[in-house]
Amino acid sequence: MFIPVRLGVVALSLVIVSGLAGCTDEEAEKRAAAAEERAVAAEKRAAAAEEKILILEKELKKARQWSEADRKATESRYEGSTGRGWTAF
């Protein structure tokens, strides 16, 4: 009499364990899919950040060129100066 009960308990425990294992696999797949989606989103953000960096580098280069041109223009303006200040009449 105890043998059929034991077999029933073992069979029931195997069904429960296999069900739990199946849920675990399904949950793992969901977590893997979510991780993959996050990775794709991170790649997109990285690509957008790279584009912004390139744009900012171009703007910085232009600003440096303008600054250098302005500095040269200011220097050349005062090179020909006599060094005398303005005098009042």
N, C-alpha and C. Protein backbone atom coordinates (compact mmCIF):
# COMPACT_ATOMS: atom_id res chain seq x y z
N MET A 1 0.81 -1.19 0.00
CA MET A 1 0.00 0.00 0.00
C MET A 1 0.86 1.26 0.00
N PHE A 2 2.00 1.17 0.64
CA PHE A 2 2.86 2.35 0.69
C PHE A 2 3.57 2.59 -0.65
N ILE A 3 3.77 1.57 -1.41
CA ILE A 3 4.49 1.71 -2.68
C ILE A 3 3.70 2.57 -3.67
N PRO A 4 2.38 2.35 -3.86
CA PRO A 4 1.65 3.21 -4.79
C PRO A 4 1.62 4.68 -4.32
N VAL A 5 1.59 4.89 -3.01
CA VAL A 5 1.59 6.26 -2.49
C VAL A 5 2.95 6.92 -2.77
N ARG A 6 4.00 6.12 -2.54
CA ARG A 6 5.33 6.66 -2.80
C ARG A 6 5.50 6.97 -4.29
N LEU A 7 5.06 6.08 -5.13
CA LEU A 7 5.15 6.32 -6.58
C LEU A 7 4.33 7.55 -6.98
N GLY A 8 3.18 7.71 -6.38
CA GLY A 8 2.34 8.88 -6.66
C GLY A 8 3.03 10.17 -6.23
N VAL A 9 3.65 10.14 -5.05
CA VAL A 9 4.37 11.32 -4.56
C VAL A 9 5.57 11.64 -5.45
N VAL A 10 6.30 10.60 -5.83
CA VAL A 10 7.45 10.80 -6.71
C VAL A 10 7.00 11.35 -8.06
N ALA A 11 5.93 10.78 -8.62
CA ALA A 11 5.42 11.25 -9.91
C ALA A 11 4.95 12.69 -9.80
N LEU A 12 4.23 13.00 -8.73
CA LEU A 12 3.74 14.37 -8.53
C LEU A 12 4.91 15.34 -8.36
N SER A 13 5.93 14.94 -7.61
CA SER A 13 7.09 15.81 -7.42
C SER A 13 7.83 16.02 -8.74
N LEU A 14 7.93 14.98 -9.58
CA LEU A 14 8.57 15.14 -10.88
C LEU A 14 7.80 16.11 -11.77
N VAL A 15 6.49 16.03 -11.73
CA VAL A 15 5.66 16.94 -12.53
C VAL A 15 5.86 18.38 -12.05
N ILE A 16 5.88 18.57 -10.74
CA ILE A 16 6.06 19.92 -10.18
C ILE A 16 7.45 20.46 -10.53
N VAL A 17 8.48 19.62 -10.38
CA VAL A 17 9.84 20.06 -10.68
C VAL A 17 9.98 20.39 -12.16
N SER A 18 9.43 19.57 -13.02
CA SER A 18 9.53 19.84 -14.46
C SER A 18 8.76 21.12 -14.81
N GLY A 19 7.63 21.34 -14.14
CA GLY A 19 6.87 22.58 -14.36
C GLY A 19 7.65 23.79 -13.92
N LEU A 20 8.30 23.68 -12.76
CA LEU A 20 9.12 24.79 -12.27
C LEU A 20 10.32 25.03 -13.18
N ALA A 21 10.91 23.97 -13.66
CA ALA A 21 12.05 24.10 -14.56
C ALA A 21 11.61 24.78 -15.85
N GLY A 22 10.42 24.43 -16.34
CA GLY A 22 9.89 25.06 -17.54
C GLY A 22 9.65 26.54 -17.33
N CYS A 23 9.11 26.91 -16.18
CA CYS A 23 8.89 28.32 -15.86
C CYS A 23 10.22 29.06 -15.76
N THR A 24 11.18 28.41 -15.17
CA THR A 24 12.48 29.04 -15.03
C THR A 24 13.10 29.29 -16.40
N ASP A 25 12.98 28.33 -17.30
CA ASP A 25 13.50 28.52 -18.65
C ASP A 25 12.77 29.65 -19.36
N GLU A 26 11.45 29.70 -19.19
CA GLU A 26 10.66 30.75 -19.82
C GLU A 26 11.03 32.12 -19.25
N GLU A 27 11.21 32.17 -17.95
CA GLU A 27 11.60 33.44 -17.33
C GLU A 27 13.01 33.84 -17.76
N ALA A 28 13.88 32.86 -17.88
CA ALA A 28 15.24 33.15 -18.34
C ALA A 28 15.22 33.68 -19.77
N GLU A 29 14.37 33.10 -20.60
CA GLU A 29 14.25 33.59 -21.97
C GLU A 29 13.72 35.02 -21.99
N LYS A 30 12.75 35.30 -21.14
CA LYS A 30 12.21 36.66 -21.06
C LYS A 30 13.29 37.64 -20.60
N ARG A 31 14.08 37.22 -19.60
CA ARG A 31 15.15 38.10 -19.11
C ARG A 31 16.20 38.31 -20.20
N ALA A 32 16.51 37.24 -20.94
CA ALA A 32 17.49 37.36 -22.03
C ALA A 32 16.98 38.29 -23.12
N ALA A 33 15.70 38.17 -23.46
CA ALA A 33 15.11 39.04 -24.48
C ALA A 33 15.11 40.50 -24.01
N ALA A 34 14.79 40.71 -22.74
CA ALA A 34 14.80 42.06 -22.19
C ALA A 34 16.22 42.63 -22.19
N ALA A 35 17.19 41.80 -21.85
CA ALA A 35 18.59 42.25 -21.85
C ALA A 35 19.03 42.60 -23.27
N GLU A 36 18.60 41.82 -24.23
CA GLU A 36 18.94 42.10 -25.62
C GLU A 36 18.32 43.43 -26.07
N GLU A 37 17.08 43.67 -25.69
CA GLU A 37 16.43 44.93 -26.03
C GLU A 37 17.16 46.11 -25.40
N ARG A 38 17.59 45.94 -24.15
CA ARG A 38 18.34 47.01 -23.48
C ARG A 38 19.67 47.25 -24.18
N ALA A 39 20.31 46.18 -24.65
CA ALA A 39 21.58 46.31 -25.35
C ALA A 39 21.40 47.07 -26.67
N VAL A 40 20.33 46.76 -27.39
CA VAL A 40 20.05 47.45 -28.65
C VAL A 40 19.78 48.93 -28.39
N ALA A 41 19.00 49.21 -27.33
CA ALA A 41 18.72 50.60 -26.98
C ALA A 41 20.00 51.33 -26.58
N ALA A 42 20.88 50.64 -25.88
CA ALA A 42 22.15 51.26 -25.48
C ALA A 42 23.01 51.55 -26.70
N GLU A 43 23.00 50.66 -27.69
CA GLU A 43 23.75 50.89 -28.92
C GLU A 43 23.23 52.12 -29.66
N LYS A 44 21.91 52.26 -29.69
CA LYS A 44 21.31 53.42 -30.37
C LYS A 44 21.71 54.71 -29.65
N ARG A 45 21.67 54.67 -28.31
CA ARG A 45 22.06 55.86 -27.55
C ARG A 45 23.53 56.18 -27.77
N ALA A 46 24.37 55.16 -27.86
CA ALA A 46 25.80 55.37 -28.10
C ALA A 46 26.03 55.97 -29.48
N ALA A 47 25.30 55.50 -30.48
CA ALA A 47 25.44 56.04 -31.83
C ALA A 47 25.01 57.51 -31.86
N ALA A 48 23.92 57.83 -31.18
CA ALA A 48 23.46 59.22 -31.13
C ALA A 48 24.48 60.09 -30.40
N ALA A 49 25.07 59.56 -29.35
CA ALA A 49 26.08 60.32 -28.60
C ALA A 49 27.32 60.56 -29.46
N GLU A 50 27.72 59.57 -30.25
CA GLU A 50 28.86 59.74 -31.15
C GLU A 50 28.59 60.84 -32.17
N GLU A 51 27.37 60.86 -32.72
CA GLU A 51 27.02 61.89 -33.69
C GLU A 51 27.09 63.27 -33.04
N LYS A 52 26.58 63.38 -31.81
CA LYS A 52 26.62 64.66 -31.10
C LYS A 52 28.07 65.08 -30.85
N ILE A 53 28.90 64.13 -30.50
CA ILE A 53 30.31 64.44 -30.25
C ILE A 53 30.97 64.97 -31.53
N LEU A 54 30.69 64.33 -32.66
CA LEU A 54 31.26 64.79 -33.93
C LEU A 54 30.80 66.21 -34.25
N ILE A 55 29.53 66.48 -34.03
CA ILE A 55 29.00 67.82 -34.29
C ILE A 55 29.68 68.84 -33.38
N LEU A 56 29.81 68.50 -32.10
CA LEU A 56 30.45 69.42 -31.16
C LEU A 56 31.92 69.64 -31.49
N GLU A 57 32.61 68.59 -31.96
CA GLU A 57 34.01 68.75 -32.36
C GLU A 57 34.13 69.70 -33.56
N LYS A 58 33.21 69.59 -34.52
CA LYS A 58 33.22 70.50 -35.66
C LYS A 58 32.98 71.93 -35.20
N GLU A 59 32.00 72.12 -34.30
CA GLU A 59 31.72 73.46 -33.79
C GLU A 59 32.91 74.02 -33.02
N LEU A 60 33.57 73.18 -32.26
CA LEU A 60 34.75 73.61 -31.51
C LEU A 60 35.88 74.02 -32.46
N LYS A 61 36.05 73.25 -33.53
CA LYS A 61 37.08 73.58 -34.52
C LYS A 61 36.78 74.93 -35.17
N LYS A 62 35.51 75.16 -35.51
CA LYS A 62 35.12 76.45 -36.10
C LYS A 62 35.36 77.58 -35.11
N ALA A 63 35.01 77.36 -33.85
CA ALA A 63 35.19 78.38 -32.83
C ALA A 63 36.67 78.70 -32.64
N ARG A 64 37.52 77.68 -32.69
CA ARG A 64 38.96 77.93 -32.58
C ARG A 64 39.48 78.73 -33.77
N GLN A 65 39.00 78.41 -34.97
CA GLN A 65 39.41 79.13 -36.16
C GLN A 65 38.98 80.60 -36.07
N TRP A 66 37.75 80.82 -35.63
CA TRP A 66 37.25 82.19 -35.49
C TRP A 66 38.07 82.94 -34.45
N SER A 67 38.37 82.27 -33.35
CA SER A 67 39.15 82.90 -32.28
C SER A 67 40.54 83.26 -32.77
N GLU A 68 41.16 82.34 -33.49
CA GLU A 68 42.50 82.60 -34.02
C GLU A 68 42.46 83.75 -35.03
N ALA A 69 41.47 83.77 -35.91
CA ALA A 69 41.34 84.85 -36.89
C ALA A 69 41.10 86.18 -36.18
N ASP A 70 40.29 86.18 -35.15
CA ASP A 70 40.02 87.40 -34.40
C ASP A 70 41.29 87.88 -33.69
N ARG A 71 42.05 86.95 -33.13
CA ARG A 71 43.29 87.31 -32.44
C ARG A 71 44.28 87.92 -33.43
N LYS A 72 44.40 87.31 -34.61
CA LYS A 72 45.32 87.83 -35.62
C LYS A 72 44.88 89.21 -36.11
N ALA A 73 43.59 89.38 -36.29
CA ALA A 73 43.08 90.68 -36.73
C ALA A 73 43.35 91.75 -35.68
N THR A 74 43.17 91.39 -34.42
CA THR A 74 43.41 92.35 -33.33
C THR A 74 44.89 92.69 -33.26
N GLU A 75 45.77 91.72 -33.41
CA GLU A 75 47.21 91.98 -33.37
C GLU A 75 47.63 92.87 -34.53
N SER A 76 47.14 92.58 -35.72
CA SER A 76 47.56 93.36 -36.88
C SER A 76 47.02 94.78 -36.80
N ARG A 77 45.93 94.97 -36.12
CA ARG A 77 45.36 96.31 -35.97
C ARG A 77 46.28 97.20 -35.14
N TYR A 78 46.92 96.59 -34.12
CA TYR A 78 47.74 97.39 -33.21
C TYR A 78 49.22 97.36 -33.56
N GLU A 79 49.64 96.58 -34.54
CA GLU A 79 51.05 96.53 -34.92
C GLU A 79 51.52 97.85 -35.51
N GLY A 80 50.68 98.48 -36.28
CA GLY A 80 51.06 99.73 -36.93
C GLY A 80 50.87 100.94 -36.04
N SER A 81 50.44 100.76 -34.85
CA SER A 81 50.20 101.86 -33.94
C SER A 81 51.50 102.54 -33.56
N THR A 82 51.46 103.83 -33.35
CA THR A 82 52.66 104.59 -32.96
C THR A 82 52.96 104.45 -31.49
N GLY A 83 52.03 103.95 -30.75
CA GLY A 83 52.27 103.82 -29.33
C GLY A 83 51.85 105.04 -28.54
N ARG A 84 51.51 106.14 -29.24
CA ARG A 84 51.05 107.34 -28.55
C ARG A 84 49.57 107.24 -28.27
N GLY A 85 49.19 107.77 -27.15
CA GLY A 85 47.78 107.77 -26.80
C GLY A 85 47.06 108.94 -27.43
N TRP A 86 45.79 109.00 -27.30
CA TRP A 86 45.00 110.11 -27.82
C TRP A 86 45.30 111.37 -27.00
N THR A 87 45.40 112.46 -27.66
CA THR A 87 45.63 113.72 -26.95
C THR A 87 44.41 114.60 -27.05
N ALA A 88 44.18 115.32 -25.99
CA ALA A 88 43.03 116.23 -26.00
C ALA A 88 43.44 117.54 -26.68
N PHE A 89 42.53 118.18 -27.30
CA PHE A 89 42.80 119.45 -27.98
C PHE A 89 42.95 120.56 -27.03
